């Protein structure tokens, strides 16, 4: 049995969390941290306004959408 892939969702905006880490707002309404933390995660584009602006519309895997799709629904 294969694990389904999370759906790809477009980035529609960015904000910083309470610790100053950048968070992408996705078209589905969920959010995802987009840290630049080399050597584990290499995202230097997140450090500048121009870099973030260039990524608007880029797609990220939304694990929360996948989790919600797997949750049993009330009344089902």
N, C-alpha and C. Protein backbone atom coordinates (compact mmCIF):
# COMPACT_ATOMS: atom_id res chain seq x y z
N UNK A 1 0.85 -1.18 0.00
CA UNK A 1 0.00 0.00 0.00
C UNK A 1 0.89 1.24 0.00
N UNK A 2 0.64 2.16 -0.92
CA UNK A 2 1.44 3.37 -1.00
C UNK A 2 0.76 4.50 -0.24
N UNK A 3 1.58 5.37 0.29
CA UNK A 3 1.07 6.54 1.00
C UNK A 3 0.74 7.62 -0.03
N UNK A 4 -0.44 8.21 0.03
CA UNK A 4 -0.78 9.27 -0.93
C UNK A 4 0.11 10.49 -0.74
N UNK A 5 0.37 11.17 -1.83
CA UNK A 5 1.16 12.40 -1.79
C UNK A 5 0.26 13.56 -1.35
N UNK A 6 0.82 14.48 -0.56
CA UNK A 6 0.04 15.66 -0.19
C UNK A 6 -0.27 16.49 -1.43
N UNK A 7 -1.44 17.11 -1.50
CA UNK A 7 -1.77 17.95 -2.65
C UNK A 7 -0.89 19.19 -2.69
N UNK A 8 -0.61 19.65 -3.89
CA UNK A 8 0.18 20.86 -4.09
C UNK A 8 -0.74 22.07 -4.01
N UNK A 9 -0.35 23.06 -3.23
CA UNK A 9 -1.15 24.28 -3.07
C UNK A 9 -0.27 25.49 -3.33
N UNK A 10 -0.84 26.51 -3.97
CA UNK A 10 -0.09 27.72 -4.32
C UNK A 10 0.14 28.60 -3.08
N UNK A 11 1.31 29.23 -3.06
CA UNK A 11 1.62 30.23 -2.02
C UNK A 11 0.91 31.52 -2.40
N UNK A 12 0.16 32.09 -1.46
CA UNK A 12 -0.57 33.33 -1.72
C UNK A 12 -0.06 34.49 -0.86
N UNK A 13 0.84 34.22 0.06
CA UNK A 13 1.38 35.29 0.90
C UNK A 13 2.37 34.74 1.91
N UNK A 14 2.98 35.65 2.65
CA UNK A 14 3.95 35.28 3.68
C UNK A 14 3.74 36.16 4.90
N UNK A 15 4.07 35.62 6.06
CA UNK A 15 4.15 36.41 7.29
C UNK A 15 5.20 35.78 8.19
N UNK A 16 5.58 36.49 9.24
CA UNK A 16 6.53 35.94 10.20
C UNK A 16 5.79 35.50 11.45
N UNK A 17 6.26 34.37 12.03
CA UNK A 17 5.66 33.89 13.27
C UNK A 17 6.26 34.65 14.45
N UNK A 18 5.87 34.27 15.66
CA UNK A 18 6.33 34.97 16.86
C UNK A 18 7.83 34.89 17.07
N UNK A 19 8.48 33.90 16.45
CA UNK A 19 9.93 33.74 16.59
C UNK A 19 10.69 34.33 15.40
N UNK A 20 9.99 34.97 14.47
CA UNK A 20 10.62 35.59 13.32
C UNK A 20 10.87 34.66 12.14
N UNK A 21 10.33 33.44 12.20
CA UNK A 21 10.46 32.51 11.08
C UNK A 21 9.40 32.83 10.03
N UNK A 22 9.76 32.69 8.76
CA UNK A 22 8.82 32.97 7.69
C UNK A 22 7.85 31.81 7.51
N UNK A 23 6.59 32.16 7.26
CA UNK A 23 5.51 31.20 7.09
C UNK A 23 4.79 31.54 5.79
N UNK A 24 4.60 30.53 4.93
CA UNK A 24 3.85 30.72 3.70
C UNK A 24 2.38 30.48 3.95
N UNK A 25 1.54 31.37 3.44
CA UNK A 25 0.10 31.18 3.46
C UNK A 25 -0.27 30.50 2.15
N UNK A 26 -1.00 29.40 2.24
CA UNK A 26 -1.36 28.63 1.06
C UNK A 26 -2.79 28.91 0.62
N UNK A 27 -3.07 28.67 -0.65
CA UNK A 27 -4.40 28.95 -1.20
C UNK A 27 -5.52 28.20 -0.50
N UNK A 28 -5.21 27.10 0.15
CA UNK A 28 -6.22 26.30 0.86
C UNK A 28 -6.56 26.87 2.23
N UNK A 29 -5.79 27.87 2.67
CA UNK A 29 -6.02 28.47 3.98
C UNK A 29 -5.07 27.96 5.05
N UNK A 30 -4.30 26.93 4.75
CA UNK A 30 -3.31 26.41 5.69
C UNK A 30 -2.02 27.21 5.55
N UNK A 31 -1.10 26.98 6.48
CA UNK A 31 0.19 27.66 6.46
C UNK A 31 1.31 26.62 6.56
N UNK A 32 2.49 27.04 6.14
CA UNK A 32 3.65 26.16 6.21
C UNK A 32 4.91 27.00 6.41
N UNK A 33 5.73 26.62 7.40
CA UNK A 33 7.00 27.30 7.60
C UNK A 33 7.90 27.10 6.39
N UNK A 34 8.61 28.14 6.01
CA UNK A 34 9.56 28.07 4.90
C UNK A 34 10.89 28.65 5.39
N UNK A 35 11.52 27.91 6.27
CA UNK A 35 12.77 28.36 6.89
C UNK A 35 13.96 28.16 5.97
N UNK A 36 14.93 29.04 6.13
CA UNK A 36 16.24 28.86 5.51
C UNK A 36 17.15 28.41 6.65
N UNK A 37 17.49 27.13 6.67
CA UNK A 37 18.24 26.53 7.77
C UNK A 37 19.29 25.57 7.22
N UNK A 38 20.32 26.13 6.53
CA UNK A 38 21.34 25.24 5.95
C UNK A 38 22.10 24.49 7.04
N UNK A 39 22.57 23.30 6.80
CA UNK A 39 22.51 22.59 5.53
C UNK A 39 21.25 21.75 5.39
N UNK A 40 20.38 21.76 6.38
CA UNK A 40 19.17 20.93 6.31
C UNK A 40 18.18 21.43 5.27
N UNK A 41 17.91 22.72 5.27
CA UNK A 41 16.96 23.32 4.32
C UNK A 41 17.63 24.54 3.71
N UNK A 42 17.74 24.56 2.39
CA UNK A 42 18.40 25.66 1.69
C UNK A 42 17.36 26.49 0.95
N UNK A 43 16.90 27.54 1.58
CA UNK A 43 15.91 28.44 0.98
C UNK A 43 16.36 29.89 1.17
N UNK A 44 17.45 30.29 0.55
CA UNK A 44 17.92 31.66 0.73
C UNK A 44 16.93 32.70 0.21
N UNK A 45 16.04 32.30 -0.69
CA UNK A 45 15.05 33.23 -1.24
C UNK A 45 14.10 33.78 -0.18
N UNK A 46 13.93 33.05 0.93
CA UNK A 46 12.98 33.49 1.96
C UNK A 46 13.52 34.69 2.74
N UNK A 47 14.80 34.97 2.63
CA UNK A 47 15.42 36.03 3.42
C UNK A 47 15.19 37.44 2.88
N UNK A 48 14.73 37.56 1.61
CA UNK A 48 14.51 38.89 1.03
C UNK A 48 13.07 39.05 0.56
N UNK A 49 12.59 40.28 0.56
CA UNK A 49 11.24 40.56 0.08
C UNK A 49 11.12 40.18 -1.40
N UNK A 50 12.14 40.47 -2.18
CA UNK A 50 12.11 40.12 -3.61
C UNK A 50 12.07 38.60 -3.80
N UNK A 51 12.82 37.88 -2.99
CA UNK A 51 12.83 36.43 -3.08
C UNK A 51 11.47 35.84 -2.74
N UNK A 52 10.84 36.36 -1.69
CA UNK A 52 9.51 35.87 -1.32
C UNK A 52 8.49 36.23 -2.40
N UNK A 53 8.56 37.44 -2.92
CA UNK A 53 7.62 37.87 -3.96
C UNK A 53 7.73 36.99 -5.20
N UNK A 54 8.94 36.58 -5.52
CA UNK A 54 9.16 35.73 -6.69
C UNK A 54 8.55 34.33 -6.50
N UNK A 55 8.32 33.92 -5.27
CA UNK A 55 7.76 32.60 -4.99
C UNK A 55 6.24 32.60 -4.85
N UNK A 56 5.61 33.76 -4.91
CA UNK A 56 4.15 33.79 -4.88
C UNK A 56 3.64 32.99 -6.07
N UNK A 57 2.70 32.11 -5.83
CA UNK A 57 2.18 31.24 -6.88
C UNK A 57 2.89 29.90 -6.97
N UNK A 58 4.10 29.81 -6.37
CA UNK A 58 4.80 28.52 -6.34
C UNK A 58 3.98 27.56 -5.51
N UNK A 59 4.15 26.28 -5.75
CA UNK A 59 3.32 25.29 -5.08
C UNK A 59 4.14 24.51 -4.04
N UNK A 60 3.50 24.29 -2.90
CA UNK A 60 4.08 23.49 -1.82
C UNK A 60 3.13 22.34 -1.50
N UNK A 61 3.69 21.25 -1.04
CA UNK A 61 2.87 20.12 -0.60
C UNK A 61 2.21 20.49 0.72
N UNK A 62 0.89 20.38 0.78
CA UNK A 62 0.15 20.71 2.00
C UNK A 62 -0.21 19.43 2.74
N UNK A 63 0.58 19.11 3.73
CA UNK A 63 0.33 17.91 4.52
C UNK A 63 -0.96 18.01 5.32
N UNK A 64 -1.32 19.22 5.72
CA UNK A 64 -2.56 19.41 6.50
C UNK A 64 -3.78 19.05 5.66
N UNK A 65 -3.78 19.39 4.37
CA UNK A 65 -4.90 19.00 3.49
C UNK A 65 -5.00 17.49 3.41
N UNK A 66 -3.86 16.83 3.32
CA UNK A 66 -3.85 15.36 3.25
C UNK A 66 -4.38 14.77 4.55
N UNK A 67 -3.96 15.33 5.69
CA UNK A 67 -4.44 14.84 6.99
C UNK A 67 -5.94 15.04 7.12
N UNK A 68 -6.44 16.19 6.70
CA UNK A 68 -7.88 16.46 6.81
C UNK A 68 -8.68 15.52 5.92
N UNK A 69 -8.16 15.21 4.75
CA UNK A 69 -8.85 14.30 3.83
C UNK A 69 -8.96 12.89 4.42
N UNK A 70 -7.99 12.54 5.26
CA UNK A 70 -7.96 11.20 5.87
C UNK A 70 -8.80 11.11 7.14
N UNK A 71 -9.19 12.26 7.73
CA UNK A 71 -9.96 12.24 8.97
C UNK A 71 -11.39 11.81 8.70
N UNK A 72 -11.96 10.98 9.58
CA UNK A 72 -13.37 10.61 9.40
C UNK A 72 -14.25 11.84 9.57
N UNK A 73 -15.28 11.90 8.75
CA UNK A 73 -16.18 13.04 8.82
C UNK A 73 -17.38 12.73 9.71
N UNK A 74 -17.85 13.74 10.42
CA UNK A 74 -19.01 13.57 11.30
C UNK A 74 -20.23 13.21 10.46
N UNK A 75 -20.96 12.23 10.90
CA UNK A 75 -22.16 11.83 10.20
C UNK A 75 -21.93 10.91 9.02
N UNK A 76 -20.67 10.58 8.76
CA UNK A 76 -20.37 9.72 7.60
C UNK A 76 -20.43 8.26 7.99
